[in-house]
Amino acid sequence: MDKHRRTVVEVRADLHQQIRKLALLNDLRIYVLANAIIEETLRDEEKTQTLIKRLSL
């Protein structure tokens, strides 16, 4: 998998604002933080599977 390849993922406006308030980040840094949050969540496969089931995805 190419780590340099990018895909656009929508982040809800309210979540974007919450992140911006917490960290006072610009949009590029919010993008980096969002990727780190996703990576961290995916490391915990059980938590990710539980979330998928809870959301009925």
Protein backbone atom coordinates (compact mmCIF):
# COMPACT_ATOMS: atom_id res chain seq x y z
CA MET A 1 0.00 0.00 0.00
CA ASP A 2 1.32 3.44 -0.97
CA LYS A 3 1.35 5.74 2.10
CA HIS A 4 1.69 8.78 -0.16
CA ARG A 5 -1.56 8.12 -2.01
CA ARG A 6 -4.45 10.19 -0.66
CA THR A 7 -8.20 9.69 -0.57
CA VAL A 8 -10.64 12.39 0.44
CA VAL A 9 -12.68 11.60 3.55
CA GLU A 10 -15.42 13.95 4.70
CA VAL A 11 -15.27 15.10 8.28
CA ARG A 12 -18.46 16.54 9.72
CA ALA A 13 -18.27 20.27 10.28
CA ASP A 14 -19.02 19.92 14.01
CA LEU A 15 -16.15 17.44 14.46
CA HIS A 16 -13.83 19.69 12.47
CA GLN A 17 -14.71 22.60 14.77
CA GLN A 18 -14.18 20.49 17.91
CA ILE A 19 -10.72 19.46 16.73
CA ARG A 20 -9.90 23.04 15.79
CA LYS A 21 -10.96 24.28 19.26
CA LEU A 22 -9.00 21.56 21.09
CA ALA A 23 -5.78 21.93 19.20
CA LEU A 24 -5.99 25.28 17.42
CA LEU A 25 -4.87 23.58 14.22
CA ASN A 26 -5.08 24.67 10.61
CA ASP A 27 -6.78 22.41 8.04
CA LEU A 28 -3.58 20.62 7.00
CA ARG A 29 -2.73 19.74 10.58
CA ILE A 30 -6.30 18.62 11.22
CA TYR A 31 -5.83 16.27 8.26
CA VAL A 32 -2.68 14.85 9.88
CA LEU A 33 -4.45 14.48 13.23
CA ALA A 34 -7.49 12.80 11.63
CA ASN A 35 -5.18 10.26 9.97
CA ALA A 36 -3.45 9.57 13.28
CA ILE A 37 -6.82 9.06 15.00
CA ILE A 38 -7.89 6.62 12.29
CA GLU A 39 -4.57 4.73 12.48
CA GLU A 40 -4.84 4.48 16.27
CA THR A 41 -8.40 3.16 16.09
CA LEU A 42 -7.53 0.61 13.41
CA ARG A 43 -4.72 -0.81 15.59
CA ASP A 44 -7.41 -2.00 18.00
CA GLU A 45 -9.20 -4.46 15.73
CA GLU A 46 -11.73 -5.47 18.38
CA LYS A 47 -12.71 -1.85 19.02
CA THR A 48 -13.01 -1.22 15.28
CA GLN A 49 -15.18 -4.31 14.75
CA THR A 50 -17.40 -3.29 17.67
CA LEU A 51 -17.81 0.18 16.19
CA ILE A 52 -18.68 -1.26 12.75
CA LYS A 53 -21.34 -3.49 14.32
CA ARG A 54 -22.72 -0.65 16.44
CA LEU A 55 -23.08 1.55 13.38
CA SER A 56 -24.52 -1.33 11.31
CA LEU A 57 -22.03 -0.76 8.49
